[in-house]
Amino acid sequence: MHQGHVICITERTNDNRDQRPDTPRVILRFTNRKHKIALLKEWKKLKGTDVYLNEHLVKRNANIAKEARDLRKNKKIQQTWTRNCKVFIKLNGDTPEEAKVMVIRSIEELGKY
């Protein structure tokens, strides 16, 4: 493979779970993790567009991420995100010590919040 390539495969998918069937989903597979991380760091530039970036998570981590998003919607935690296929949360708090960032590795860990 030529060293200049960043994306090795693109696929279009018609996932029937999509709430907008007229909007195709595209799956990108990168030649290395460095390029994937660089793209994910640029996600803020896509705000206000119809483009969304998601990491592919194993089922266990996808479930953890969903539970964390539910906690955020219910204002139990301040923020949640994924990076390098890990789920992070930021706790509510007025001081930096109270609003610490944690990596969540199991659903049970979320039960505290």
Protein backbone atom coordinates (compact mmCIF):
# COMPACT_ATOMS: atom_id res chain seq x y z
CA MET A 1 0.00 0.00 0.00
CA HIS A 2 1.23 3.48 -0.83
CA GLN A 3 2.34 5.32 2.30
CA GLY A 4 0.33 8.40 1.36
CA HIS A 5 -3.02 6.65 1.91
CA VAL A 6 -4.93 7.55 5.05
CA ILE A 7 -8.18 5.64 4.43
CA CYS A 8 -7.98 2.08 3.20
CA ILE A 9 -11.69 1.20 2.94
CA THR A 10 -14.94 3.13 2.77
CA GLU A 11 -18.32 1.44 2.91
CA ARG A 12 -21.85 2.76 2.59
CA THR A 13 -24.40 1.11 4.77
CA ASN A 14 -28.18 1.31 4.95
CA ASP A 15 -28.68 0.59 8.60
CA ASN A 16 -32.40 0.14 9.26
CA ARG A 17 -31.96 1.63 12.76
CA ASP A 18 -31.20 4.98 11.15
CA GLN A 19 -33.96 7.46 11.89
CA ARG A 20 -33.20 9.27 8.64
CA PRO A 21 -33.27 6.66 5.88
CA ASP A 22 -32.49 9.27 3.20
CA THR A 23 -29.12 9.98 4.85
CA PRO A 24 -26.51 7.31 4.10
CA ARG A 25 -23.98 6.20 6.66
CA VAL A 26 -20.37 5.84 5.62
CA ILE A 27 -17.85 3.69 7.45
CA LEU A 28 -14.19 4.71 7.21
CA ARG A 29 -11.32 2.41 8.04
CA PHE A 30 -7.99 4.12 8.53
CA THR A 31 -4.57 2.78 7.67
CA ASN A 32 -3.37 3.65 11.18
CA ARG A 33 -4.72 4.91 14.48
CA LYS A 34 -2.86 8.23 14.25
CA HIS A 35 -5.03 9.38 11.34
CA LYS A 36 -8.24 8.27 13.05
CA ILE A 37 -7.34 10.20 16.21
CA ALA A 38 -6.45 13.29 14.16
CA LEU A 39 -9.87 13.23 12.47
CA LEU A 40 -11.74 12.69 15.73
CA LYS A 41 -9.93 15.68 17.27
CA GLU A 42 -11.42 17.87 14.51
CA TRP A 43 -15.05 16.97 15.29
CA LYS A 44 -15.87 20.47 16.60
CA LYS A 45 -15.43 21.85 13.09
CA LEU A 46 -18.39 19.71 12.00
CA LYS A 47 -20.89 21.28 14.44
CA GLY A 48 -23.88 22.65 12.60
CA THR A 49 -23.43 20.27 9.67
CA ASP A 50 -25.13 16.96 8.94
CA VAL A 51 -21.86 15.10 9.53
CA TYR A 52 -21.40 13.08 12.71
CA LEU A 53 -18.37 11.11 13.83
CA ASN A 54 -18.60 8.04 16.02
CA GLU A 55 -16.00 5.55 17.10
CA HIS A 56 -16.77 1.89 16.57
CA LEU A 57 -17.07 0.44 20.07
CA VAL A 58 -17.35 -3.17 21.14
CA LYS A 59 -20.83 -3.94 22.48
CA ARG A 60 -19.77 -3.71 26.14
CA ASN A 61 -18.28 -0.23 25.71
CA ALA A 62 -21.22 0.90 23.55
CA ASN A 63 -23.56 -0.06 26.41
CA ILE A 64 -21.39 1.81 28.91
CA ALA A 65 -21.36 4.88 26.63
CA LYS A 66 -25.16 4.78 26.31
CA GLU A 67 -25.63 4.55 30.07
CA ALA A 68 -23.20 7.44 30.54
CA ARG A 69 -25.16 9.54 28.02
CA ASP A 70 -28.34 8.79 29.97
CA LEU A 71 -26.63 9.97 33.17
CA ARG A 72 -25.63 13.17 31.41
CA LYS A 73 -29.19 13.76 30.15
CA ASN A 74 -30.40 13.35 33.74
CA LYS A 75 -27.68 15.78 34.94
CA LYS A 76 -26.04 13.12 37.14
CA ILE A 77 -22.68 13.77 35.46
CA GLN A 78 -21.35 16.82 33.64
CA GLN A 79 -20.03 15.27 30.43
CA THR A 80 -19.23 11.99 28.67
CA TRP A 81 -17.19 11.07 25.59
CA THR A 82 -15.15 8.28 24.04
CA ARG A 83 -11.56 8.34 22.93
CA ASN A 84 -9.46 5.41 21.74
CA CYS A 85 -12.49 3.18 22.39
CA LYS A 86 -12.57 4.08 26.10
CA VAL A 87 -15.54 5.75 27.81
CA PHE A 88 -14.82 8.86 29.88
CA ILE A 89 -17.06 10.82 32.23
CA LYS A 90 -16.61 14.16 33.95
CA LEU A 91 -18.30 14.39 37.34
CA ASN A 92 -20.46 17.31 38.42
CA GLY A 93 -18.70 19.74 40.70
CA ASP A 94 -17.93 23.36 41.37
CA THR A 95 -14.19 22.87 41.85
CA PRO A 96 -11.71 21.07 39.57
CA GLU A 97 -11.22 18.43 42.28
CA GLU A 98 -14.96 17.66 42.35
CA ALA A 99 -15.31 17.73 38.55
CA LYS A 100 -12.69 15.09 37.90
CA VAL A 101 -12.46 12.98 34.74
CA MET A 102 -12.71 9.20 35.04
CA VAL A 103 -12.35 6.26 32.66
CA ILE A 104 -15.33 3.91 33.04
CA ARG A 105 -14.63 0.24 32.41
CA SER A 106 -17.92 -1.34 33.52
CA ILE A 107 -21.62 -0.56 33.86
CA GLU A 108 -21.29 -1.24 37.59
CA GLU A 109 -18.93 1.74 37.96
CA LEU A 110 -21.70 4.00 36.65
CA GLY A 111 -24.03 2.77 39.41
CA LYS A 112 -22.32 5.16 41.84
CA TYR A 113 -23.76 8.13 39.99
